[in-house]
Amino acid sequence: MVTIFEDKWVEKNDTENRMRFPNNANIVDLPFTCSNNGQSGMLPVLDEKGFQWTLTCRNQNGTIYFTDGWKEFRKEKRIRVGHRVTLYKDDYSFGSGAQYKIIVMEN
């Protein structure tokens, strides 16, 4: 089963600092450390090629941010304003259990 956490268009601040997800993002599908206010934790994600990235996610009053690791991911994927980022959980990815995945698409 695939559960979409967020599907968002990249904004200017996302390309200059950290990636911000809106308050209505489905935070209950994130690991415990990312879904509790004031907490941060490591979130391993796989990109579209199966490469693993470790992003730090932080919850500030219901808004989730990717902080550490985002800058490197953004540069490697050449993410620009207007690109679309989809973060989702795949519960049955090749029999390896739940995995978080991230896909970047150009506009």
PDB file of N, CA and C in Angstrom:
ATOM      1  N   MET A   1       0.841  -1.182   0.000  1.00  0.00           N
ATOM      2  CA  MET A   1       0.000   0.000   0.000  1.00  0.00           C
ATOM      3  C   MET A   1       0.887   1.246   0.000  1.00  0.00           C
ATOM      4  N   VAL A   2       0.511   2.215  -0.786  1.00  0.00           N
ATOM      5  CA  VAL A   2       1.265   3.460  -0.873  1.00  0.00           C
ATOM      6  C   VAL A   2       0.460   4.553  -0.181  1.00  0.00           C
ATOM      7  N   THR A   3       1.127   5.278   0.720  1.00  0.00           N
ATOM      8  CA  THR A   3       0.488   6.386   1.423  1.00  0.00           C
ATOM      9  C   THR A   3       1.251   7.658   1.095  1.00  0.00           C
ATOM     10  N   ILE A   4       0.590   8.614   0.443  1.00  0.00           N
ATOM     11  CA  ILE A   4       1.254   9.877   0.118  1.00  0.00           C
ATOM     12  C   ILE A   4       1.248  10.766   1.345  1.00  0.00           C
ATOM     13  N   PHE A   5       2.452  11.200   1.742  1.00  0.00           N
ATOM     14  CA  PHE A   5       2.595  12.130   2.853  1.00  0.00           C
ATOM     15  C   PHE A   5       2.362  13.545   2.348  1.00  0.00           C
ATOM     16  N   GLU A   6       3.018  13.877   1.260  1.00  0.00           N
ATOM     17  CA  GLU A   6       2.870  15.234   0.725  1.00  0.00           C
ATOM     18  C   GLU A   6       3.264  15.246  -0.742  1.00  0.00           C
ATOM     19  N   ASP A   7       2.599  16.105  -1.456  1.00  0.00           N
ATOM     20  CA  ASP A   7       2.861  16.345  -2.869  1.00  0.00           C
ATOM     21  C   ASP A   7       2.829  17.853  -3.017  1.00  0.00           C
ATOM     22  N   LYS A   8       3.983  18.471  -3.180  1.00  0.00           N
ATOM     23  CA  LYS A   8       3.998  19.938  -3.178  1.00  0.00           C
ATOM     24  C   LYS A   8       4.877  20.498  -4.270  1.00  0.00           C
ATOM     25  N   TRP A   9       4.544  21.723  -4.657  1.00  0.00           N
ATOM     26  CA  TRP A   9       5.350  22.487  -5.596  1.00  0.00           C
ATOM     27  C   TRP A   9       6.448  23.179  -4.808  1.00  0.00           C
ATOM     28  N   VAL A  10       7.658  23.158  -5.341  1.00  0.00           N
ATOM     29  CA  VAL A  10       8.794  23.780  -4.677  1.00  0.00           C
ATOM     30  C   VAL A  10       8.689  25.294  -4.786  1.00  0.00           C
ATOM     31  N   GLU A  11       8.868  25.952  -3.644  1.00  0.00           N
ATOM     32  CA  GLU A  11       8.833  27.412  -3.562  1.00  0.00           C
ATOM     33  C   GLU A  11      10.249  27.943  -3.371  1.00  0.00           C
ATOM     34  N   LYS A  12      10.408  29.235  -3.501  1.00  0.00           N
ATOM     35  CA  LYS A  12      11.726  29.866  -3.409  1.00  0.00           C
ATOM     36  C   LYS A  12      12.437  29.517  -2.104  1.00  0.00           C
ATOM     37  N   ASN A  13      11.745  29.602  -0.973  1.00  0.00           N
ATOM     38  CA  ASN A  13      12.373  29.312   0.311  1.00  0.00           C
ATOM     39  C   ASN A  13      12.881  27.871   0.386  1.00  0.00           C
ATOM     40  N   ASP A  14      12.193  26.949  -0.293  1.00  0.00           N
ATOM     41  CA  ASP A  14      12.617  25.548  -0.299  1.00  0.00           C
ATOM     42  C   ASP A  14      13.944  25.369  -1.014  1.00  0.00           C
ATOM     43  N   THR A  15      14.271  26.255  -1.943  1.00  0.00           N
ATOM     44  CA  THR A  15      15.516  26.145  -2.699  1.00  0.00           C
ATOM     45  C   THR A  15      16.649  26.922  -2.052  1.00  0.00           C
ATOM     46  N   GLU A  16      16.335  27.752  -1.070  1.00  0.00           N
ATOM     47  CA  GLU A  16      17.362  28.565  -0.421  1.00  0.00           C
ATOM     48  C   GLU A  16      17.693  28.074   0.982  1.00  0.00           C
ATOM     49  N   ASN A  17      16.736  27.472   1.657  1.00  0.00           N
ATOM     50  CA  ASN A  17      16.941  27.061   3.033  1.00  0.00           C
ATOM     51  C   ASN A  17      16.549  25.608   3.227  1.00  0.00           C
ATOM     52  N   ARG A  18      15.480  25.421   3.939  1.00  0.00           N
ATOM     53  CA  ARG A  18      14.985  24.082   4.231  1.00  0.00           C
ATOM     54  C   ARG A  18      13.654  23.863   3.518  1.00  0.00           C
ATOM     55  N   MET A  19      13.302  22.637   3.351  1.00  0.00           N
ATOM     56  CA  MET A  19      12.038  22.290   2.695  1.00  0.00           C
ATOM     57  C   MET A  19      10.927  22.322   3.740  1.00  0.00           C
ATOM     58  N   ARG A  20       9.870  23.075   3.451  1.00  0.00           N
ATOM     59  CA  ARG A  20       8.745  23.195   4.386  1.00  0.00           C
ATOM     60  C   ARG A  20       7.518  22.526   3.791  1.00  0.00           C
ATOM     61  N   PHE A  21       6.904  21.700   4.611  1.00  0.00           N
ATOM     62  CA  PHE A  21       5.641  21.084   4.229  1.00  0.00           C
ATOM     63  C   PHE A  21       4.519  21.784   4.969  1.00  0.00           C
ATOM     64  N   PRO A  22       3.367  21.933   4.358  1.00  0.00           N
ATOM     65  CA  PRO A  22       2.269  22.671   4.985  1.00  0.00           C
ATOM     66  C   PRO A  22       1.731  21.979   6.240  1.00  0.00           C
ATOM     67  N   ASN A  23       1.040  22.769   7.058  1.00  0.00           N
ATOM     68  CA  ASN A  23       0.500  22.257   8.313  1.00  0.00           C
ATOM     69  C   ASN A  23      -0.484  21.122   8.106  1.00  0.00           C
ATOM     70  N   ASN A  24      -1.097  21.032   6.960  1.00  0.00           N
ATOM     71  CA  ASN A  24      -2.075  19.977   6.736  1.00  0.00           C
ATOM     72  C   ASN A  24      -1.453  18.701   6.167  1.00  0.00           C
ATOM     73  N   ALA A  25      -0.128  18.630   6.137  1.00  0.00           N
ATOM     74  CA  ALA A  25       0.539  17.426   5.640  1.00  0.00           C
ATOM     75  C   ALA A  25       0.201  16.255   6.565  1.00  0.00           C
ATOM     76  N   ASN A  26       0.237  15.097   6.040  1.00  0.00           N
ATOM     77  CA  ASN A  26      -0.172  13.898   6.757  1.00  0.00           C
ATOM     78  C   ASN A  26       0.934  13.410   7.693  1.00  0.00           C
ATOM     79  N   ILE A  27       1.159  14.131   8.788  1.00  0.00           N
ATOM     80  CA  ILE A  27       2.286  13.827   9.676  1.00  0.00           C
ATOM     81  C   ILE A  27       2.129  12.522  10.436  1.00  0.00           C
ATOM     82  N   VAL A  28       0.926  12.003  10.541  1.00  0.00           N
ATOM     83  CA  VAL A  28       0.764  10.742  11.261  1.00  0.00           C
ATOM     84  C   VAL A  28       1.449   9.592  10.531  1.00  0.00           C
ATOM     85  N   ASP A  29       1.752   9.752   9.260  1.00  0.00           N
ATOM     86  CA  ASP A  29       2.426   8.700   8.509  1.00  0.00           C
ATOM     87  C   ASP A  29       3.942   8.803   8.562  1.00  0.00           C
ATOM     88  N   LEU A  30       4.439   9.793   9.279  1.00  0.00           N
ATOM     89  CA  LEU A  30       5.886   9.905   9.460  1.00  0.00           C
ATOM     90  C   LEU A  30       6.307   9.172  10.725  1.00  0.00           C
ATOM     91  N   PRO A  31       7.592   8.837  10.841  1.00  0.00           N
ATOM     92  CA  PRO A  31       8.055   8.185  12.062  1.00  0.00           C
ATOM     93  C   PRO A  31       7.739   9.030  13.294  1.00  0.00           C
ATOM     94  N   PHE A  32       7.669   8.378  14.412  1.00  0.00           N
ATOM     95  CA  PHE A  32       7.305   9.001  15.680  1.00  0.00           C
ATOM     96  C   PHE A  32       8.073  10.298  15.945  1.00  0.00           C
ATOM     97  N   THR A  33       9.375  10.289  15.722  1.00  0.00           N
ATOM     98  CA  THR A  33      10.181  11.464  16.051  1.00  0.00           C
ATOM     99  C   THR A  33       9.835  12.679  15.216  1.00  0.00           C
ATOM    100  N   CYS A  34       9.267  12.467  14.029  1.00  0.00           N
ATOM    101  CA  CYS A  34       8.928  13.593  13.168  1.00  0.00           C
ATOM    102  C   CYS A  34       7.491  14.057  13.368  1.00  0.00           C
ATOM    103  N   SER A  35       6.681  13.235  14.016  1.00  0.00           N
ATOM    104  CA  SER A  35       5.269  13.576  14.139  1.00  0.00           C
ATOM    105  C   SER A  35       4.931  14.246  15.468  1.00  0.00           C
ATOM    106  N   ASN A  36       5.898  14.365  16.358  1.00  0.00           N
ATOM    107  CA  ASN A  36       5.654  15.029  17.639  1.00  0.00           C
ATOM    108  C   ASN A  36       6.224  16.436  17.632  1.00  0.00           C
ATOM    109  N   ASN A  37       5.425  17.386  18.083  1.00  0.00           N
ATOM    110  CA  ASN A  37       5.830  18.793  18.089  1.00  0.00           C
ATOM    111  C   ASN A  37       7.139  18.990  18.845  1.00  0.00           C
ATOM    112  N   GLY A  38       8.030  19.748  18.264  1.00  0.00           N
ATOM    113  CA  GLY A  38       9.306  20.058  18.881  1.00  0.00           C
ATOM    114  C   GLY A  38      10.359  18.995  18.697  1.00  0.00           C
ATOM    115  N   GLN A  39      10.014  17.911  18.060  1.00  0.00           N
ATOM    116  CA  GLN A  39      10.953  16.809  17.880  1.00  0.00           C
ATOM    117  C   GLN A  39      11.571  16.844  16.490  1.00  0.00           C
ATOM    118  N   SER A  40      12.731  16.248  16.392  1.00  0.00           N
ATOM    119  CA  SER A  40      13.349  16.056  15.087  1.00  0.00           C
ATOM    120  C   SER A  40      13.920  14.650  15.051  1.00  0.00           C
ATOM    121  N   GLY A  41      14.095  14.149  13.870  1.00  0.00           N
ATOM    122  CA  GLY A  41      14.650  12.813  13.710  1.00  0.00           C
ATOM    123  C   GLY A  41      15.116  12.584  12.303  1.00  0.00           C
ATOM    124  N   MET A  42      15.852  11.508  12.151  1.00  0.00           N
ATOM    125  CA  MET A  42      16.379  11.145  10.841  1.00  0.00           C
ATOM    126  C   MET A  42      15.323  10.367  10.071  1.00  0.00           C
ATOM    127  N   LEU A  43      15.171  10.718   8.809  1.00  0.00           N
ATOM    128  CA  LEU A  43      14.217  10.036   7.945  1.00  0.00           C
ATOM    129  C   LEU A  43      14.951   9.524   6.712  1.00  0.00           C
ATOM    130  N   PRO A  44      15.250   8.225   6.661  1.00  0.00           N
ATOM    131  CA  PRO A  44      15.873   7.692   5.446  1.00  0.00           C
ATOM    132  C   PRO A  44      14.834   7.605   4.338  1.00  0.00           C
ATOM    133  N   VAL A  45      15.177   8.115   3.168  1.00  0.00           N
ATOM    134  CA  VAL A  45      14.284   8.077   2.016  1.00  0.00           C
ATOM    135  C   VAL A  45      15.047   7.535   0.810  1.00  0.00           C
ATOM    136  N   LEU A  46      14.317   6.915  -0.090  1.00  0.00           N
ATOM    137  CA  LEU A  46      14.891   6.442  -1.341  1.00  0.00           C
ATOM    138  C   LEU A  46      14.435   7.354  -2.462  1.00  0.00           C
ATOM    139  N   ASP A  47      15.360   7.691  -3.366  1.00  0.00           N
ATOM    140  CA  ASP A  47      14.965   8.485  -4.527  1.00  0.00           C
ATOM    141  C   ASP A  47      14.478   7.554  -5.634  1.00  0.00           C
ATOM    142  N   GLU A  48      14.179   8.117  -6.780  1.00  0.00           N
ATOM    143  CA  GLU A  48      13.598   7.339  -7.881  1.00  0.00           C
ATOM    144  C   GLU A  48      14.552   6.300  -8.451  1.00  0.00           C
ATOM    145  N   LYS A  49      15.856   6.431  -8.145  1.00  0.00           N
ATOM    146  CA  LYS A  49      16.838   5.461  -8.611  1.00  0.00           C
ATOM    147  C   LYS A  49      17.191   4.433  -7.550  1.00  0.00           C
ATOM    148  N   GLY A  50      16.562   4.547  -6.369  1.00  0.00           N
ATOM    149  CA  GLY A  50      16.820   3.607  -5.285  1.00  0.00           C
ATOM    150  C   GLY A  50      17.967   4.009  -4.384  1.00  0.00           C
ATOM    151  N   PHE A  51      18.520   5.209  -4.601  1.00  0.00           N
ATOM    152  CA  PHE A  51      19.611   5.695  -3.758  1.00  0.00           C
ATOM    153  C   PHE A  51      19.041   6.210  -2.448  1.00  0.00           C
ATOM    154  N   GLN A  52      19.675   5.847  -1.334  1.00  0.00           N
ATOM    155  CA  GLN A  52      19.165   6.279  -0.032  1.00  0.00           C
ATOM    156  C   GLN A  52      19.777   7.607   0.393  1.00  0.00           C
ATOM    157  N   TRP A  53      18.909   8.481   0.868  1.00  0.00           N
ATOM    158  CA  TRP A  53      19.279   9.771   1.426  1.00  0.00           C
ATOM    159  C   TRP A  53      18.772   9.806   2.867  1.00  0.00           C
ATOM    160  N   THR A  54      19.505  10.467   3.746  1.00  0.00           N
ATOM    161  CA  THR A  54      19.034  10.634   5.113  1.00  0.00           C
ATOM    162  C   THR A  54      18.760  12.111   5.328  1.00  0.00           C
ATOM    163  N   LEU A  55      17.489  12.428   5.546  1.00  0.00           N
ATOM    164  CA  LEU A  55      17.064  13.806   5.773  1.00  0.00           C
ATOM    165  C   LEU A  55      16.626  13.947   7.221  1.00  0.00           C
ATOM    166  N   THR A  56      16.964  15.058   7.822  1.00  0.00           N
ATOM    167  CA  THR A  56      16.458  15.340   9.162  1.00  0.00           C
ATOM    168  C   THR A  56      15.126  16.041   9.018  1.00  0.00           C
ATOM    169  N   CYS A  57      14.113  15.504   9.660  1.00  0.00           N
ATOM    170  CA  CYS A  57      12.819  16.170   9.649  1.00  0.00           C
ATOM    171  C   CYS A  57      12.558  16.737  11.044  1.00  0.00           C
ATOM    172  N   ARG A  58      11.981  17.902  11.057  1.00  0.00           N
ATOM    173  CA  ARG A  58      11.693  18.600  12.308  1.00  0.00           C
ATOM    174  C   ARG A  58      10.250  19.072  12.284  1.00  0.00           C
ATOM    175  N   ASN A  59       9.581  18.909  13.417  1.00  0.00           N
ATOM    176  CA  ASN A  59       8.193  19.325  13.564  1.00  0.00           C
ATOM    177  C   ASN A  59       8.162  20.569  14.445  1.00  0.00           C
ATOM    178  N   GLN A  60       7.710  21.668  13.894  1.00  0.00           N
ATOM    179  CA  GLN A  60       7.541  22.905  14.655  1.00  0.00           C
ATOM    180  C   GLN A  60       6.088  23.325  14.546  1.00  0.00           C
ATOM    181  N   ASN A  61       5.339  23.068  15.618  1.00  0.00           N
ATOM    182  CA  ASN A  61       3.920  23.427  15.678  1.00  0.00           C
ATOM    183  C   ASN A  61       3.111  22.872  14.516  1.00  0.00           C
ATOM    184  N   GLY A  62       3.381  21.635  14.151  1.00  0.00           N
ATOM    185  CA  GLY A  62       2.614  20.985  13.096  1.00  0.00           C
ATOM    186  C   GLY A  62       3.149  21.199  11.699  1.00  0.00           C
ATOM    187  N   THR A  63       4.173  22.012  11.547  1.00  0.00           N
ATOM    188  CA  THR A  63       4.801  22.205  10.251  1.00  0.00           C
ATOM    189  C   THR A  63       6.064  21.363  10.222  1.00  0.00           C
ATOM    190  N   ILE A  64       6.184  20.525   9.192  1.00  0.00           N
ATOM    191  CA  ILE A  64       7.343  19.658   9.051  1.00  0.00           C
ATOM    192  C   ILE A  64       8.357  20.322   8.121  1.00  0.00           C
ATOM    193  N   TYR A  65       9.613  20.277   8.552  1.00  0.00           N
ATOM    194  CA  TYR A  65      10.716  20.810   7.751  1.00  0.00           C
ATOM    195  C   TYR A  65      11.746  19.725   7.522  1.00  0.00           C
ATOM    196  N   PHE A  66      12.339  19.685   6.332  1.00  0.00           N
ATOM    197  CA  PHE A  66      13.546  18.918   6.097  1.00  0.00           C
ATOM    198  C   PHE A  66      14.697  19.893   6.286  1.00  0.00           C
ATOM    199  N   THR A  67      15.609  19.552   7.166  1.00  0.00           N
ATOM    200  CA  THR A  67      16.742  20.429   7.437  1.00  0.00           C
ATOM    201  C   THR A  67      18.022  19.753   6.952  1.00  0.00           C
ATOM    202  N   ASP A  68      18.754  19.108   7.813  1.00  0.00           N
ATOM    203  CA  ASP A  68      20.020  18.480   7.430  1.00  0.00           C
ATOM    204  C   ASP A  68      19.791  17.448   6.327  1.00  0.00           C
ATOM    205  N   GLY A  69      20.641  17.477   5.339  1.00  0.00           N
ATOM    206  CA  GLY A  69      20.554  16.563   4.216  1.00  0.00           C
ATOM    207  C   GLY A  69      19.765  17.123   3.039  1.00  0.00           C
ATOM    208  N   TRP A  70      18.884  18.098   3.305  1.00  0.00           N
ATOM    209  CA  TRP A  70      18.059  18.656   2.233  1.00  0.00           C
ATOM    210  C   TRP A  70      18.907  19.412   1.218  1.00  0.00           C
ATOM    211  N   LYS A  71      19.864  20.192   1.692  1.00  0.00           N
ATOM    212  CA  LYS A  71      20.686  21.001   0.787  1.00  0.00           C
ATOM    213  C   LYS A  71      21.431  20.104  -0.210  1.00  0.00           C
ATOM    214  N   GLU A  72      22.005  19.012   0.275  1.00  0.00           N
ATOM    215  CA  GLU A  72      22.737  18.104  -0.590  1.00  0.00           C
ATOM    216  C   GLU A  72      21.794  17.420  -1.586  1.00  0.00           C
ATOM    217  N   PHE A  73      20.635  16.992  -1.097  1.00  0.00           N
ATOM    218  CA  PHE A  73      19.645  16.369  -1.969  1.00  0.00           C
ATOM    219  C   PHE A  73      19.186  17.347  -3.048  1.00  0.00           C
ATOM    220  N   ARG A  74      18.888  18.573  -2.614  1.00  0.00           N
ATOM    221  CA  ARG A  74      18.416  19.620  -3.532  1.00  0.00           C
ATOM    222  C   ARG A  74      19.454  19.886  -4.631  1.00  0.00           C
ATOM    223  N   LYS A  75      20.714  19.988  -4.256  1.00  0.00           N
ATOM    224  CA  LYS A  75      21.767  20.249  -5.233  1.00  0.00           C
ATOM    225  C   LYS A  75      21.949  19.080  -6.191  1.00  0.00           C
ATOM    226  N   GLU A  76      21.959  17.872  -5.670  1.00  0.00           N
ATOM    227  CA  GLU A  76      22.153  16.696  -6.510  1.00  0.00           C
ATOM    228  C   GLU A  76      21.024  16.540  -7.520  1.00  0.00           C
ATOM    229  N   LYS A  77      19.800  16.831  -7.100  1.00  0.00           N
ATOM    230  CA  LYS A  77      18.625  16.681  -7.965  1.00  0.00           C
ATOM    231  C   LYS A  77      18.339  17.946  -8.781  1.00  0.00           C
ATOM    232  N   ARG A  78      19.126  18.981  -8.545  1.00  0.00           N
ATOM    233  CA  ARG A  78      18.963  20.258  -9.253  1.00  0.00           C
ATOM    234  C   ARG A  78      17.536  20.791  -9.139  1.00  0.00           C
ATOM    235  N   ILE A  79      17.054  20.787  -7.911  1.00  0.00           N
ATOM    236  CA  ILE A  79      15.683  21.205  -7.642  1.00  0.00           C
ATOM    237  C   ILE A  79      15.567  22.716  -7.772  1.00  0.00           C
ATOM    238  N   ARG A  80      14.548  23.138  -8.495  1.00  0.00           N
ATOM    239  CA  ARG A  80      14.282  24.556  -8.750  1.00  0.00           C
ATOM    240  C   ARG A  80      12.846  24.880  -8.375  1.00  0.00           C
ATOM    241  N   VAL A  81      12.579  26.179  -8.261  1.00  0.00           N
ATOM    242  CA  VAL A  81      11.212  26.652  -8.022  1.00  0.00           C
ATOM    243  C   VAL A  81      10.331  26.119  -9.147  1.00  0.00           C
ATOM    244  N   GLY A  82       9.180  25.585  -8.778  1.00  0.00           N
ATOM    245  CA  GLY A  82       8.259  25.046  -9.760  1.00  0.00           C
ATOM    246  C   GLY A  82       8.344  23.538  -9.931  1.00  0.00           C
ATOM    247  N   HIS A  83       9.442  22.937  -9.454  1.00  0.00           N
ATOM    248  CA  HIS A  83       9.501  21.485  -9.483  1.00  0.00           C
ATOM    249  C   HIS A  83       8.485  20.944  -8.475  1.00  0.00           C
ATOM    250  N   ARG A  84       8.158  19.696  -8.627  1.00  0.00           N
ATOM    251  CA  ARG A  84       7.175  19.058  -7.749  1.00  0.00           C
ATOM    252  C   ARG A  84       7.863  17.942  -6.978  1.00  0.00           C
ATOM    253  N   VAL A  85       7.665  17.926  -5.657  1.00  0.00           N
ATOM    254  CA  VAL A  85       8.257  16.907  -4.800  1.00  0.00           C
ATOM    255  C   VAL A  85       7.130  16.089  -4.179  1.00  0.00           C
ATOM    256  N   THR A  86       7.228  14.790  -4.332  1.00  0.00           N
ATOM    257  CA  THR A  86       6.260  13.884  -3.720  1.00  0.00           C
ATOM    258  C   THR A  86       6.998  12.986  -2.741  1.00  0.00           C
ATOM    259  N   LEU A  87       6.522  12.987  -1.501  1.00  0.00           N
ATOM    260  CA  LEU A  87       7.069  12.141  -0.450  1.00  0.00           C
ATOM    261  C   LEU A  87       5.986  11.145  -0.082  1.00  0.00           C
ATOM    262  N   TYR A  88       6.327   9.868  -0.111  1.00  0.00           N
ATOM    263  CA  TYR A  88       5.331   8.861   0.202  1.00  0.00           C
ATOM    264  C   TYR A  88       5.954   7.663   0.908  1.00  0.00           C
ATOM    265  N   LYS A  89       5.094   6.864   1.513  1.00  0.00           N
ATOM    266  CA  LYS A  89       5.510   5.644   2.185  1.00  0.00           C
ATOM    267  C   LYS A  89       4.984   4.470   1.384  1.00  0.00           C
ATOM    268  N   ASP A  90       5.873   3.555   1.070  1.00  0.00           N
ATOM    269  CA  ASP A  90       5.521   2.342   0.345  1.00  0.00           C
ATOM    270  C   ASP A  90       5.652   1.186   1.331  1.00  0.00           C
ATOM    271  N   ASP A  91       4.511   0.651   1.761  1.00  0.00           N
ATOM    272  CA  ASP A  91       4.513  -0.385   2.791  1.00  0.00           C
ATOM    273  C   ASP A  91       5.039  -1.732   2.313  1.00  0.00           C
ATOM    274  N   TYR A  92       5.031  -1.961   1.025  1.00  0.00           N
ATOM    275  CA  TYR A  92       5.420  -3.275   0.521  1.00  0.00           C
ATOM    276  C   TYR A  92       6.415  -3.174  -0.618  1.00  0.00           C
ATOM    277  N   SER A  93       7.448  -2.415  -0.391  1.00  0.00           N
ATOM    278  CA  SER A  93       8.437  -2.192  -1.430  1.00  0.00           C
ATOM    279  C   SER A  93       9.390  -3.379  -1.543  1.00  0.00           C
ATOM    280  N   PHE A  94       9.176  -4.204  -2.554  1.00  0.00           N
ATOM    281  CA  PHE A  94      10.045  -5.344  -2.843  1.00  0.00           C
ATOM    282  C   PHE A  94      10.266  -6.245  -1.627  1.00  0.00           C
ATOM    283  N   GLY A  95       9.244  -6.374  -0.779  1.00  0.00           N
ATOM    284  CA  GLY A  95       9.318  -7.271   0.364  1.00  0.00           C
ATOM    285  C   GLY A  95      10.217  -6.809   1.490  1.00  0.00           C
ATOM    286  N   SER A  96      10.681  -5.568   1.445  1.00  0.00           N
ATOM    287  CA  SER A  96      11.630  -5.097   2.459  1.00  0.00           C
ATOM    288  C   SER A  96      10.956  -4.296   3.561  1.00  0.00           C
ATOM    289  N   GLY A  97       9.632  -4.295   3.595  1.00  0.00           N
ATOM    290  CA  GLY A  97       8.933  -3.528   4.622  1.00  0.00           C
ATOM    291  C   GLY A  97       8.710  -2.098   4.183  1.00  0.00           C
ATOM    292  N   ALA A  98       8.195  -1.297   5.107  1.00  0.00           N
ATOM    293  CA  ALA A  98       7.861   0.095   4.796  1.00  0.00           C
ATOM    294  C   ALA A  98       9.114   0.896   4.472  1.00  0.00           C
ATOM    295  N   GLN A  99       9.003   1.699   3.445  1.00  0.00           N
ATOM    296  CA  GLN A  99      10.089   2.596   3.064  1.00  0.00           C
ATOM    297  C   GLN A  99       9.496   3.933   2.665  1.00  0.00           C
ATOM    298  N   TYR A 100      10.214   4.987   2.982  1.00  0.00           N
ATOM    299  CA  TYR A 100       9.816   6.323   2.555  1.00  0.00           C
ATOM    300  C   TYR A 100      10.557   6.631   1.269  1.00  0.00           C
ATOM    301  N   LYS A 101       9.824   7.201   0.313  1.00  0.00           N
ATOM    302  CA  LYS A 101      10.403   7.492  -0.987  1.00  0.00           C
ATOM    303  C   LYS A 101      10.105   8.938  -1.347  1.00  0.00           C
ATOM    304  N   ILE A 102      11.004   9.502  -2.165  1.00  0.00           N
ATOM    305  CA  ILE A 102      10.841  10.882  -2.592  1.00  0.00           C
ATOM    306  C   ILE A 102      11.115  10.955  -4.098  1.00  0.00           C
ATOM    307  N   ILE A 103      10.218  11.629  -4.780  1.00  0.00           N
ATOM    308  CA  ILE A 103      10.347  11.786  -6.227  1.00  0.00           C
ATOM    309  C   ILE A 103      10.297  13.284  -6.549  1.00  0.00           C
ATOM    310  N   VAL A 104      11.178  13.712  -7.436  1.00  0.00           N
ATOM    311  CA  VAL A 104      11.206  15.091  -7.897  1.00  0.00           C
ATOM    312  C   VAL A 104      10.866  15.104  -9.379  1.00  0.00           C
ATOM    313  N   MET A 105       9.901  15.955  -9.740  1.00  0.00           N
ATOM    314  CA  MET A 105       9.504  16.063 -11.145  1.00  0.00           C
ATOM    315  C   MET A 105       9.593  17.522 -11.578  1.00  0.00           C
ATOM    316  N   GLU A 106      10.077  17.724 -12.781  1.00  0.00           N
ATOM    317  CA  GLU A 106      10.118  19.071 -13.339  1.00  0.00           C
ATOM    318  C   GLU A 106       8.742  19.489 -13.757  1.00  0.00           C
ATOM    319  N   ASN A 107       8.509  20.813 -13.766  1.00  0.00           N
ATOM    320  CA  ASN A 107       7.216  21.342 -14.169  1.00  0.00           C
ATOM    321  C   ASN A 107       7.015  21.190 -15.649  1.00  0.00           C
TER     322      ASN A 107
END
